[in-house]
Amino acid sequence: MRLWTVHPAYLDAPGLVALWREALLAQKVLLGLTRGYRFHPQLIRFRQQSDPVAAIGAYLAGVHAEALRRGYRFDAAKIVKRGREVRMHETKGQLLHEWQHLRRKLRLRGARRYAQFARLASPAAHPIFRIVAGGVRAWERAAPAAGQVAVTKSRSLRVRRGT
């Protein structure tokens, strides 16, 4: 699950669809409607809000707005609305960390989209985020380097292959 700090406009089509689905799943988790992903680190910043469901609803609204701009038909009725504007703080370090991660993904699967943003050093953030000074968040799990072993929640081992 990746709930991007970067603005959804930078995502390619598969990335935007995945973000919509993952944010809907996050909403379900925050509503207590599923047991899976309850402890996922991407949910920490939403849980820290006074109304986590309103926060994820505002996040989904931003993703939906980008989908509409592109002509997609994401179902807005799936967003649980709380009727208030939500603003969250996120750090510049987190934004830039995610930007580098997204650029790597785009380089592999969307050369045209990657080329469009390749020289952009600092992207815009998702509309609910206000960027403040700071580094990468502690909840961000850095991917293991090539050849390193990562232990997953199921206690199985996964080796990351070099790309």
C-alpha atoms as a PDB file:
ATOM      1  CA  MET A   1       0.000   0.000   0.000  1.00  0.00           C
ATOM      2  CA  ARG A   2       1.367   3.408  -0.977  1.00  0.00           C
ATOM      3  CA  LEU A   3      -0.623   6.536  -0.183  1.00  0.00           C
ATOM      4  CA  TRP A   4       1.504   9.042  -2.053  1.00  0.00           C
ATOM      5  CA  THR A   5       2.427  12.452  -0.697  1.00  0.00           C
ATOM      6  CA  VAL A   6       3.159  13.567  -4.264  1.00  0.00           C
ATOM      7  CA  HIS A   7       0.281  14.987  -6.266  1.00  0.00           C
ATOM      8  CA  PRO A   8      -1.658  12.280  -8.146  1.00  0.00           C
ATOM      9  CA  ALA A   9      -1.068  14.188 -11.403  1.00  0.00           C
ATOM     10  CA  TYR A  10       2.424  12.655 -11.563  1.00  0.00           C
ATOM     11  CA  LEU A  11       1.165   9.073 -11.512  1.00  0.00           C
ATOM     12  CA  ASP A  12       0.797   7.040 -14.668  1.00  0.00           C
ATOM     13  CA  ALA A  13      -2.551   5.338 -15.374  1.00  0.00           C
ATOM     14  CA  PRO A  14      -1.760   2.098 -13.496  1.00  0.00           C
ATOM     15  CA  GLY A  15      -0.408   4.127 -10.589  1.00  0.00           C
ATOM     16  CA  LEU A  16      -3.507   6.306 -10.346  1.00  0.00           C
ATOM     17  CA  VAL A  17      -5.838   3.294 -10.443  1.00  0.00           C
ATOM     18  CA  ALA A  18      -3.738   1.524  -7.811  1.00  0.00           C
ATOM     19  CA  LEU A  19      -3.755   4.628  -5.615  1.00  0.00           C
ATOM     20  CA  TRP A  20      -7.551   4.835  -5.809  1.00  0.00           C
ATOM     21  CA  ARG A  21      -7.930   1.185  -4.837  1.00  0.00           C
ATOM     22  CA  GLU A  22      -5.359   1.387  -2.047  1.00  0.00           C
ATOM     23  CA  ALA A  23      -6.877   4.559  -0.598  1.00  0.00           C
ATOM     24  CA  LEU A  24     -10.318   2.902  -0.650  1.00  0.00           C
ATOM     25  CA  LEU A  25      -8.794  -0.033   1.214  1.00  0.00           C
ATOM     26  CA  ALA A  26      -7.229   2.394   3.695  1.00  0.00           C
ATOM     27  CA  GLN A  27     -10.643   3.979   4.221  1.00  0.00           C
ATOM     28  CA  LYS A  28     -12.108   0.548   4.912  1.00  0.00           C
ATOM     29  CA  VAL A  29      -9.340  -0.160   7.434  1.00  0.00           C
ATOM     30  CA  LEU A  30      -9.874   3.180   9.188  1.00  0.00           C
ATOM     31  CA  LEU A  31     -13.616   2.483   9.349  1.00  0.00           C
ATOM     32  CA  GLY A  32     -12.858  -0.825  11.050  1.00  0.00           C
ATOM     33  CA  LEU A  33     -14.456  -2.836   8.242  1.00  0.00           C
ATOM     34  CA  THR A  34     -11.496  -5.141   7.593  1.00  0.00           C
ATOM     35  CA  ARG A  35      -8.826  -6.790   9.673  1.00  0.00           C
ATOM     36  CA  GLY A  36      -6.138  -6.734   7.007  1.00  0.00           C
ATOM     37  CA  TYR A  37      -3.630  -3.880   6.792  1.00  0.00           C
ATOM     38  CA  ARG A  38      -4.637  -2.521  10.224  1.00  0.00           C
ATOM     39  CA  PHE A  39      -1.015  -1.945  11.159  1.00  0.00           C
ATOM     40  CA  HIS A  40       0.269  -0.758   7.810  1.00  0.00           C
ATOM     41  CA  PRO A  41       2.745   2.117   8.303  1.00  0.00           C
ATOM     42  CA  GLN A  42       1.153   4.191   5.522  1.00  0.00           C
ATOM     43  CA  LEU A  43      -1.895   4.615   7.784  1.00  0.00           C
ATOM     44  CA  ILE A  44       0.006   6.176  10.685  1.00  0.00           C
ATOM     45  CA  ARG A  45      -0.264   9.760   9.467  1.00  0.00           C
ATOM     46  CA  PHE A  46      -4.001   9.376   8.879  1.00  0.00           C
ATOM     47  CA  ARG A  47      -4.561   7.800  12.297  1.00  0.00           C
ATOM     48  CA  GLN A  48      -2.789  10.769  13.896  1.00  0.00           C
ATOM     49  CA  GLN A  49      -5.536  13.109  12.675  1.00  0.00           C
ATOM     50  CA  SER A  50      -8.444  14.081  14.921  1.00  0.00           C
ATOM     51  CA  ASP A  51     -10.776  12.393  12.406  1.00  0.00           C
ATOM     52  CA  PRO A  52      -8.851   9.740  10.439  1.00  0.00           C
ATOM     53  CA  VAL A  53     -11.854   8.859   8.246  1.00  0.00           C
ATOM     54  CA  ALA A  54     -12.311  12.494   7.241  1.00  0.00           C
ATOM     55  CA  ALA A  55      -8.585  12.656   6.456  1.00  0.00           C
ATOM     56  CA  ILE A  56      -8.672   9.624   4.165  1.00  0.00           C
ATOM     57  CA  GLY A  57     -11.907  10.936   2.644  1.00  0.00           C
ATOM     58  CA  ALA A  58     -10.195  14.212   1.790  1.00  0.00           C
ATOM     59  CA  TYR A  59      -7.268  12.259   0.374  1.00  0.00           C
ATOM     60  CA  LEU A  60      -9.615  10.189  -1.783  1.00  0.00           C
ATOM     61  CA  ALA A  61     -11.348  13.370  -2.959  1.00  0.00           C
ATOM     62  CA  GLY A  62      -8.000  14.645  -4.259  1.00  0.00           C
ATOM     63  CA  VAL A  63      -7.373  11.391  -6.121  1.00  0.00           C
ATOM     64  CA  HIS A  64     -10.912  11.500  -7.507  1.00  0.00           C
ATOM     65  CA  ALA A  65     -10.401  15.067  -8.753  1.00  0.00           C
ATOM     66  CA  GLU A  66      -7.305  13.976 -10.677  1.00  0.00           C
ATOM     67  CA  ALA A  67      -9.181  11.003 -12.125  1.00  0.00           C
ATOM     68  CA  LEU A  68     -11.978  13.298 -13.317  1.00  0.00           C
ATOM     69  CA  ARG A  69      -9.425  15.648 -14.862  1.00  0.00           C
ATOM     70  CA  ARG A  70      -8.123  12.694 -16.903  1.00  0.00           C
ATOM     71  CA  GLY A  71     -11.575  11.534 -17.908  1.00  0.00           C
ATOM     72  CA  TYR A  72     -11.678   8.453 -15.666  1.00  0.00           C
ATOM     73  CA  ARG A  73     -14.899   7.364 -13.988  1.00  0.00           C
ATOM     74  CA  PHE A  74     -13.950   6.601 -10.403  1.00  0.00           C
ATOM     75  CA  ASP A  75     -17.070   6.246  -8.250  1.00  0.00           C
ATOM     76  CA  ALA A  76     -17.127   9.186  -5.811  1.00  0.00           C
ATOM     77  CA  ALA A  77     -19.979   7.506  -3.920  1.00  0.00           C
ATOM     78  CA  LYS A  78     -17.348   5.178  -2.435  1.00  0.00           C
ATOM     79  CA  ILE A  79     -15.813   8.076  -0.504  1.00  0.00           C
ATOM     80  CA  VAL A  80     -17.124   8.381   3.038  1.00  0.00           C
ATOM     81  CA  LYS A  81     -17.641  12.115   3.396  1.00  0.00           C
ATOM     82  CA  ARG A  82     -17.320  13.965   6.657  1.00  0.00           C
ATOM     83  CA  GLY A  83     -18.141  17.402   5.298  1.00  0.00           C
ATOM     84  CA  ARG A  84     -15.049  19.279   6.403  1.00  0.00           C
ATOM     85  CA  GLU A  85     -11.814  20.326   4.815  1.00  0.00           C
ATOM     86  CA  VAL A  86      -8.752  18.472   6.076  1.00  0.00           C
ATOM     87  CA  ARG A  87      -5.162  19.669   5.930  1.00  0.00           C
ATOM     88  CA  MET A  88      -2.254  17.522   7.020  1.00  0.00           C
ATOM     89  CA  HIS A  89       1.403  18.401   7.430  1.00  0.00           C
ATOM     90  CA  GLU A  90       4.034  16.350   5.687  1.00  0.00           C
ATOM     91  CA  THR A  91       7.759  16.835   5.506  1.00  0.00           C
ATOM     92  CA  LYS A  92       9.812  17.933   2.532  1.00  0.00           C
ATOM     93  CA  GLY A  93      12.072  14.930   3.094  1.00  0.00           C
ATOM     94  CA  GLN A  94       9.122  12.550   2.831  1.00  0.00           C
ATOM     95  CA  LEU A  95       7.879  14.250  -0.324  1.00  0.00           C
ATOM     96  CA  LEU A  96      11.302  14.034  -1.984  1.00  0.00           C
ATOM     97  CA  HIS A  97      11.809  10.431  -0.852  1.00  0.00           C
ATOM     98  CA  GLU A  98       8.523   9.440  -2.472  1.00  0.00           C
ATOM     99  CA  TRP A  99       9.334  11.470  -5.570  1.00  0.00           C
ATOM    100  CA  GLN A 100      12.531   9.479  -6.092  1.00  0.00           C
ATOM    101  CA  HIS A 101      10.596   6.246  -5.546  1.00  0.00           C
ATOM    102  CA  LEU A 102       7.920   7.245  -8.069  1.00  0.00           C
ATOM    103  CA  ARG A 103      10.509   8.320 -10.638  1.00  0.00           C
ATOM    104  CA  ARG A 104      12.138   4.873 -10.423  1.00  0.00           C
ATOM    105  CA  LYS A 105       8.737   3.247 -11.025  1.00  0.00           C
ATOM    106  CA  LEU A 106       7.967   5.529 -13.965  1.00  0.00           C
ATOM    107  CA  ARG A 107      11.369   4.911 -15.545  1.00  0.00           C
ATOM    108  CA  LEU A 108      10.585   1.182 -15.611  1.00  0.00           C
ATOM    109  CA  ARG A 109       6.975   1.201 -16.750  1.00  0.00           C
ATOM    110  CA  GLY A 110       6.206   4.563 -18.346  1.00  0.00           C
ATOM    111  CA  ALA A 111       9.035   6.094 -20.332  1.00  0.00           C
ATOM    112  CA  ARG A 112       6.881   8.905 -21.716  1.00  0.00           C
ATOM    113  CA  ARG A 113       5.558   9.902 -18.292  1.00  0.00           C
ATOM    114  CA  TYR A 114       9.040   9.599 -16.810  1.00  0.00           C
ATOM    115  CA  ALA A 115      10.476  11.878 -19.501  1.00  0.00           C
ATOM    116  CA  GLN A 116       7.735  14.411 -18.822  1.00  0.00           C
ATOM    117  CA  PHE A 117       8.871  14.825 -15.196  1.00  0.00           C
ATOM    118  CA  ALA A 118      12.518  13.662 -15.297  1.00  0.00           C
ATOM    119  CA  ARG A 119      13.984  17.107 -14.637  1.00  0.00           C
ATOM    120  CA  LEU A 120      11.498  18.140 -11.971  1.00  0.00           C
ATOM    121  CA  ALA A 121      13.444  18.319  -8.706  1.00  0.00           C
ATOM    122  CA  SER A 122      10.614  19.062  -6.306  1.00  0.00           C
ATOM    123  CA  PRO A 123       7.062  17.974  -7.130  1.00  0.00           C
ATOM    124  CA  ALA A 124       3.790  19.419  -5.898  1.00  0.00           C
ATOM    125  CA  ALA A 125       2.130  17.589  -3.040  1.00  0.00           C
ATOM    126  CA  HIS A 126      -1.302  16.005  -2.903  1.00  0.00           C
ATOM    127  CA  PRO A 127      -3.774  18.829  -2.161  1.00  0.00           C
ATOM    128  CA  ILE A 128      -4.404  17.813   1.471  1.00  0.00           C
ATOM    129  CA  PHE A 129      -0.728  18.113   2.421  1.00  0.00           C
ATOM    130  CA  ARG A 130       1.057  21.228   3.568  1.00  0.00           C
ATOM    131  CA  ILE A 131       4.782  20.655   3.241  1.00  0.00           C
ATOM    132  CA  VAL A 132       6.957  21.554   6.215  1.00  0.00           C
ATOM    133  CA  ALA A 133      10.661  21.194   6.901  1.00  0.00           C
ATOM    134  CA  GLY A 134      11.864  17.774   7.945  1.00  0.00           C
ATOM    135  CA  GLY A 135      13.294  14.478   6.796  1.00  0.00           C
ATOM    136  CA  VAL A 136      11.855  11.152   5.757  1.00  0.00           C
ATOM    137  CA  ARG A 137       9.232   9.964   8.234  1.00  0.00           C
ATOM    138  CA  ALA A 138      10.128   7.208  10.675  1.00  0.00           C
ATOM    139  CA  TRP A 139       7.169   5.137   9.482  1.00  0.00           C
ATOM    140  CA  GLU A 140       8.568   4.988   5.950  1.00  0.00           C
ATOM    141  CA  ARG A 141       9.988   1.575   5.306  1.00  0.00           C
ATOM    142  CA  ALA A 142      13.047   1.750   3.140  1.00  0.00           C
ATOM    143  CA  ALA A 143      13.234  -1.073   0.616  1.00  0.00           C
ATOM    144  CA  PRO A 144      16.167  -3.416   1.145  1.00  0.00           C
ATOM    145  CA  ALA A 145      19.069  -2.876  -1.217  1.00  0.00           C
ATOM    146  CA  ALA A 146      19.749  -5.402  -3.955  1.00  0.00           C
ATOM    147  CA  GLY A 147      20.875  -8.688  -2.431  1.00  0.00           C
ATOM    148  CA  GLN A 148      19.636  -7.827   1.068  1.00  0.00           C
ATOM    149  CA  VAL A 149      17.058  -9.943   2.817  1.00  0.00           C
ATOM    150  CA  ALA A 150      13.837  -8.497   4.205  1.00  0.00           C
ATOM    151  CA  VAL A 151      11.686 -10.290   6.757  1.00  0.00           C
ATOM    152  CA  THR A 152       8.010  -9.740   6.029  1.00  0.00           C
ATOM    153  CA  LYS A 153       5.112  -9.924   8.502  1.00  0.00           C
ATOM    154  CA  SER A 154       4.481 -13.521   7.517  1.00  0.00           C
ATOM    155  CA  ARG A 155       8.075 -14.210   8.580  1.00  0.00           C
ATOM    156  CA  SER A 156       8.980 -15.377   5.105  1.00  0.00           C
ATOM    157  CA  LEU A 157      12.147 -14.136   3.502  1.00  0.00           C
ATOM    158  CA  ARG A 158      12.224 -12.060   0.393  1.00  0.00           C
ATOM    159  CA  VAL A 159      15.420 -11.208  -1.469  1.00  0.00           C
ATOM    160  CA  ARG A 160      15.388  -8.045  -3.523  1.00  0.00           C
ATOM    161  CA  ARG A 161      16.978  -8.560  -6.913  1.00  0.00           C
ATOM    162  CA  GLY A 162      19.086  -5.847  -8.477  1.00  0.00           C
ATOM    163  CA  THR A 163      17.433  -3.907 -11.305  1.00  0.00           C
END
